[in-house]
Amino acid sequence: MLRLSTQIHKWLALVVGLQVLGWVLGGVVMTAIPIERVRSEHHLAKFQPDSLPTEGLVDYRQAAAAVGVTPVEATLKSSLRGPLWVLKDAQGGSHVVDAATGRHVAPLPAKEARFLAGAQYEGKGQPGVPQWFATAPQEAGKPGPLWAVDFHDAENTRFYLSPETGEVVSRRSDVWRLYDAFWRIHILDFRDGENFNHPLIIAAAVLTLPVVITGLILLWIRLARDLRGVLARRRNA
């Protein structure tokens, strides 16, 4: 039993040892850093948009006619650009209409994107030159197009803004990127960082199980041997 457990423990530990280390380090990082800090919630300005007016707004049918869509979902929302209708079509597309004028909302120009990003930011950083992404980068976690504005603060905070509504749709920083790197190591999904049921992570978990079991067996054998030695010395004494 001792020899077999030692061999299994030794060779499997060589295979999964680095991954076990990654799991432990990832656990330390993910528990030590508050999730609110990872999400940059402390850099999101605390304010309420203006209340929606009770009259003078077009209804969703007029808004849909303005952009020529048949919406499956219509949401009236208050934004920094004023009251807006957000219409979603059957294909998942989103169309934004000014609820006050009934006109299709044009994408934000860079100057306005920078201003709105700064209005929604709280901290010591200053908004940099906006970057336009026709196809959003993976870290945004949202489909494009999007504006990205960096604030060059201690955490390199970045806001991704909707070009139609001007709202911040996702927030990223070096803290988030560190967290995300360890999360990908933790679940062994280095492409999307979302799938924790893929064969690689299952295989790593299965191989780790006998390492733990044989480790416990070796510990039990060692403790039993030490206990016998202590008792033998006491009898001899």
Protein backbone atom coordinates (compact mmCIF):
# COMPACT_ATOMS: atom_id res chain seq x y z
CA MET A 1 0.00 0.00 0.00
CA LEU A 2 2.80 2.41 0.92
CA ARG A 3 4.77 1.85 -2.27
CA LEU A 4 1.71 2.02 -4.53
CA SER A 5 0.40 5.18 -2.86
CA THR A 6 3.83 6.80 -3.09
CA GLN A 7 4.15 6.09 -6.81
CA ILE A 8 0.65 7.29 -7.63
CA HIS A 9 1.06 10.41 -5.53
CA LYS A 10 4.48 11.27 -6.98
CA TRP A 11 3.76 10.83 -10.68
CA LEU A 12 0.27 12.31 -10.74
CA ALA A 13 1.49 15.26 -8.67
CA LEU A 14 4.06 15.96 -11.39
CA VAL A 15 1.21 16.15 -13.92
CA VAL A 16 -1.28 18.27 -11.98
CA GLY A 17 0.98 20.05 -9.51
CA LEU A 18 1.20 23.32 -11.44
CA GLN A 19 -2.55 23.38 -11.96
CA VAL A 20 -3.17 22.79 -8.26
CA LEU A 21 -0.81 25.70 -7.57
CA GLY A 22 -2.80 27.79 -10.05
CA TRP A 23 -6.05 26.86 -8.32
CA VAL A 24 -4.67 27.87 -4.93
CA LEU A 25 -3.17 31.14 -6.19
CA GLY A 26 -6.38 31.91 -8.08
CA GLY A 27 -8.40 31.26 -4.95
CA VAL A 28 -6.18 33.65 -2.99
CA VAL A 29 -6.51 36.39 -5.62
CA MET A 30 -10.25 35.98 -6.06
CA THR A 31 -10.97 36.02 -2.34
CA ALA A 32 -8.48 38.77 -1.43
CA ILE A 33 -9.73 41.33 -3.98
CA PRO A 34 -13.29 42.58 -3.35
CA ILE A 35 -15.50 41.94 -6.39
CA GLU A 36 -16.69 45.56 -6.25
CA ARG A 37 -13.11 46.68 -6.88
CA VAL A 38 -12.75 44.18 -9.72
CA ARG A 39 -15.87 45.68 -11.31
CA SER A 40 -14.55 49.25 -10.75
CA GLU A 41 -17.75 50.16 -8.94
CA HIS A 42 -15.78 52.68 -6.89
CA HIS A 43 -15.05 54.58 -10.12
CA LEU A 44 -18.68 54.84 -11.21
CA ALA A 45 -20.17 58.23 -10.33
CA LYS A 46 -23.18 58.02 -8.05
CA PHE A 47 -25.97 60.02 -9.63
CA GLN A 48 -29.49 59.50 -10.88
CA PRO A 49 -30.49 60.46 -14.44
CA ASP A 50 -33.28 62.97 -14.87
CA SER A 51 -36.78 61.62 -14.40
CA LEU A 52 -38.71 60.85 -17.55
CA PRO A 53 -41.20 63.58 -18.48
CA THR A 54 -44.83 62.60 -18.13
CA GLU A 55 -45.89 64.05 -21.49
CA GLY A 56 -44.54 65.22 -24.82
CA LEU A 57 -42.85 61.92 -25.71
CA VAL A 58 -43.52 59.81 -28.78
CA ASP A 59 -44.83 56.32 -28.16
CA TYR A 60 -42.94 53.20 -29.16
CA ARG A 61 -44.98 52.72 -32.35
CA GLN A 62 -43.86 56.10 -33.67
CA ALA A 63 -40.31 55.34 -32.61
CA ALA A 64 -40.41 51.99 -34.42
CA ALA A 65 -41.77 53.64 -37.57
CA ALA A 66 -38.90 56.14 -37.49
CA VAL A 67 -36.33 53.36 -37.85
CA GLY A 68 -38.50 50.95 -39.84
CA VAL A 69 -38.48 48.01 -37.44
CA THR A 70 -41.07 45.81 -35.78
CA PRO A 71 -39.83 45.62 -32.21
CA VAL A 72 -40.21 42.57 -30.01
CA GLU A 73 -39.16 44.65 -27.00
CA ALA A 74 -39.37 48.39 -26.36
CA THR A 75 -37.81 50.14 -23.37
CA LEU A 76 -38.19 53.79 -22.51
CA LYS A 77 -35.19 54.98 -20.53
CA SER A 78 -33.67 58.17 -19.20
CA SER A 79 -30.08 58.77 -20.25
CA LEU A 80 -27.46 61.49 -20.35
CA ARG A 81 -28.61 62.10 -23.93
CA GLY A 82 -32.21 62.59 -22.83
CA PRO A 83 -35.21 60.23 -22.94
CA LEU A 84 -34.67 57.35 -25.37
CA TRP A 85 -36.59 54.44 -26.81
CA VAL A 86 -34.46 51.30 -27.08
CA LEU A 87 -36.10 48.91 -29.55
CA LYS A 88 -34.98 45.32 -30.06
CA ASP A 89 -35.91 43.45 -33.22
CA ALA A 90 -36.43 39.73 -33.76
CA GLN A 91 -32.83 39.29 -34.91
CA GLY A 92 -31.46 40.68 -31.64
CA GLY A 93 -30.53 44.05 -33.10
CA SER A 94 -30.95 47.20 -31.03
CA HIS A 95 -32.27 50.54 -32.34
CA VAL A 96 -32.30 53.77 -30.35
CA VAL A 97 -34.76 56.58 -30.99
CA ASP A 98 -34.96 59.98 -29.33
CA ALA A 99 -38.22 59.82 -27.39
CA ALA A 100 -38.61 63.59 -27.51
CA THR A 101 -38.17 64.11 -31.27
CA GLY A 102 -38.97 60.66 -32.65
CA ARG A 103 -35.73 60.63 -34.64
CA HIS A 104 -33.12 57.92 -34.87
CA VAL A 105 -30.22 58.65 -32.51
CA ALA A 106 -26.91 59.11 -34.29
CA PRO A 107 -23.81 57.54 -32.70
CA LEU A 108 -21.87 59.73 -30.31
CA PRO A 109 -19.04 61.80 -31.77
CA ALA A 110 -15.69 61.36 -30.02
CA LYS A 111 -15.92 64.67 -28.17
CA GLU A 112 -19.30 63.80 -26.66
CA ALA A 113 -18.16 60.27 -25.81
CA ARG A 114 -15.25 61.72 -23.85
CA PHE A 115 -17.55 64.16 -22.03
CA LEU A 116 -20.13 61.52 -21.10
CA ALA A 117 -17.43 59.10 -19.94
CA GLY A 118 -16.02 61.79 -17.66
CA ALA A 119 -19.49 62.58 -16.31
CA GLN A 120 -19.94 58.95 -15.25
CA TYR A 121 -16.47 58.54 -13.72
CA GLU A 122 -15.44 59.13 -10.13
CA GLY A 123 -11.77 59.29 -9.21
CA LYS A 124 -8.49 61.07 -9.83
CA GLY A 125 -8.08 60.10 -13.50
CA GLN A 126 -8.85 62.24 -16.51
CA PRO A 127 -10.59 60.92 -19.64
CA GLY A 128 -8.23 60.32 -22.54
CA VAL A 129 -8.86 60.31 -26.28
CA PRO A 130 -11.80 57.98 -27.03
CA GLN A 131 -11.12 54.88 -29.12
CA TRP A 132 -13.73 53.58 -31.54
CA PHE A 133 -14.25 49.83 -31.80
CA ALA A 134 -16.49 48.67 -34.62
CA THR A 135 -15.98 45.17 -33.20
CA ALA A 136 -15.68 45.26 -29.45
CA PRO A 137 -12.61 43.61 -27.85
CA GLN A 138 -13.25 40.43 -25.91
CA GLU A 139 -12.61 42.06 -22.54
CA ALA A 140 -15.58 44.40 -23.04
CA GLY A 141 -17.97 41.48 -22.67
CA LYS A 142 -20.44 43.29 -24.92
CA PRO A 143 -21.03 43.29 -28.68
CA GLY A 144 -19.77 46.26 -30.67
CA PRO A 145 -19.63 48.92 -31.79
CA LEU A 146 -18.42 50.70 -28.65
CA TRP A 147 -16.48 53.73 -27.54
CA ALA A 148 -13.61 53.08 -25.11
CA VAL A 149 -12.27 55.84 -22.86
CA ASP A 150 -9.18 55.39 -20.66
CA PHE A 151 -8.71 57.43 -17.50
CA HIS A 152 -5.00 56.82 -16.85
CA ASP A 153 -5.50 56.44 -13.10
CA ALA A 154 -3.58 54.05 -10.83
CA GLU A 155 -5.67 51.09 -12.04
CA ASN A 156 -5.77 52.09 -15.73
CA THR A 157 -9.54 52.19 -15.64
CA ARG A 158 -11.35 51.95 -18.96
CA PHE A 159 -15.00 52.66 -19.64
CA TYR A 160 -16.82 51.13 -22.62
CA LEU A 161 -19.74 53.29 -23.74
CA SER A 162 -22.74 52.59 -25.91
CA PRO A 163 -22.45 54.90 -28.94
CA GLU A 164 -26.23 55.43 -28.96
CA THR A 165 -27.19 55.90 -25.30
CA GLY A 166 -23.84 57.12 -23.99
CA GLU A 167 -24.12 54.89 -20.92
CA VAL A 168 -21.22 52.86 -19.57
CA VAL A 169 -21.90 49.26 -20.55
CA SER A 170 -18.77 47.74 -19.00
CA ARG A 171 -15.80 48.81 -16.88
CA ARG A 172 -12.33 47.32 -17.01
CA SER A 173 -9.03 47.94 -15.22
CA ASP A 174 -5.70 46.28 -14.45
CA VAL A 175 -7.34 44.81 -11.34
CA TRP A 176 -10.02 43.22 -13.52
CA ARG A 177 -7.38 41.94 -15.95
CA LEU A 178 -5.38 40.33 -13.13
CA TYR A 179 -8.54 38.75 -11.75
CA ASP A 180 -9.53 37.55 -15.22
CA ALA A 181 -6.11 35.98 -15.83
CA PHE A 182 -6.32 33.93 -12.64
CA TRP A 183 -9.94 33.04 -13.38
CA ARG A 184 -8.89 31.62 -16.77
CA ILE A 185 -6.12 29.64 -15.08
CA HIS A 186 -8.63 28.46 -12.49
CA ILE A 187 -11.06 27.05 -15.07
CA LEU A 188 -8.45 26.31 -17.78
CA ASP A 189 -10.40 28.22 -20.43
CA PHE A 190 -7.88 30.59 -21.97
CA ARG A 191 -9.99 31.57 -24.96
CA ASP A 192 -13.29 32.87 -23.57
CA GLY A 193 -12.90 32.48 -19.81
CA GLU A 194 -16.50 31.27 -19.54
CA ASN A 195 -16.59 27.48 -19.94
CA PHE A 196 -15.87 25.57 -16.73
CA ASN A 197 -17.30 22.27 -17.96
CA HIS A 198 -14.83 21.50 -20.74
CA PRO A 199 -12.83 18.21 -20.89
CA LEU A 200 -9.50 19.76 -19.81
CA ILE A 201 -10.76 21.04 -16.45
CA ILE A 202 -12.67 17.79 -15.86
CA ALA A 203 -9.52 15.74 -16.58
CA ALA A 204 -7.45 17.94 -14.24
CA ALA A 205 -10.00 17.50 -11.46
CA VAL A 206 -10.16 13.72 -11.99
CA LEU A 207 -6.35 13.41 -11.90
CA THR A 208 -6.15 15.60 -8.79
CA LEU A 209 -8.53 13.38 -6.83
CA PRO A 210 -6.16 10.38 -6.51
CA VAL A 211 -3.32 12.77 -5.58
CA VAL A 212 -5.40 13.97 -2.63
CA ILE A 213 -6.50 10.44 -1.68
CA THR A 214 -2.98 8.98 -1.83
CA GLY A 215 -1.67 12.01 0.08
CA LEU A 216 -4.12 11.25 2.88
CA ILE A 217 -3.10 7.57 2.83
CA LEU A 218 0.59 8.49 3.06
CA LEU A 219 -0.15 10.93 5.87
CA TRP A 220 -2.07 8.23 7.78
CA ILE A 221 0.76 5.73 7.31
CA ARG A 222 3.34 8.28 8.46
CA LEU A 223 1.32 9.29 11.53
CA ALA A 224 0.71 5.62 12.43
CA ARG A 225 4.44 4.88 12.09
CA ASP A 226 5.36 7.87 14.25
CA LEU A 227 2.79 6.87 16.86
CA ARG A 228 4.20 3.33 17.01
CA GLY A 229 7.69 4.79 17.45
CA VAL A 230 6.57 7.00 20.33
CA LEU A 231 4.87 4.08 22.05
CA ALA A 232 7.91 1.84 21.57
CA ARG A 233 10.24 4.44 23.13
CA ARG A 234 7.91 4.80 26.11
CA ARG A 235 7.87 1.01 26.66
CA ASN A 236 11.64 0.85 26.47
CA ALA A 237 11.96 3.72 28.90
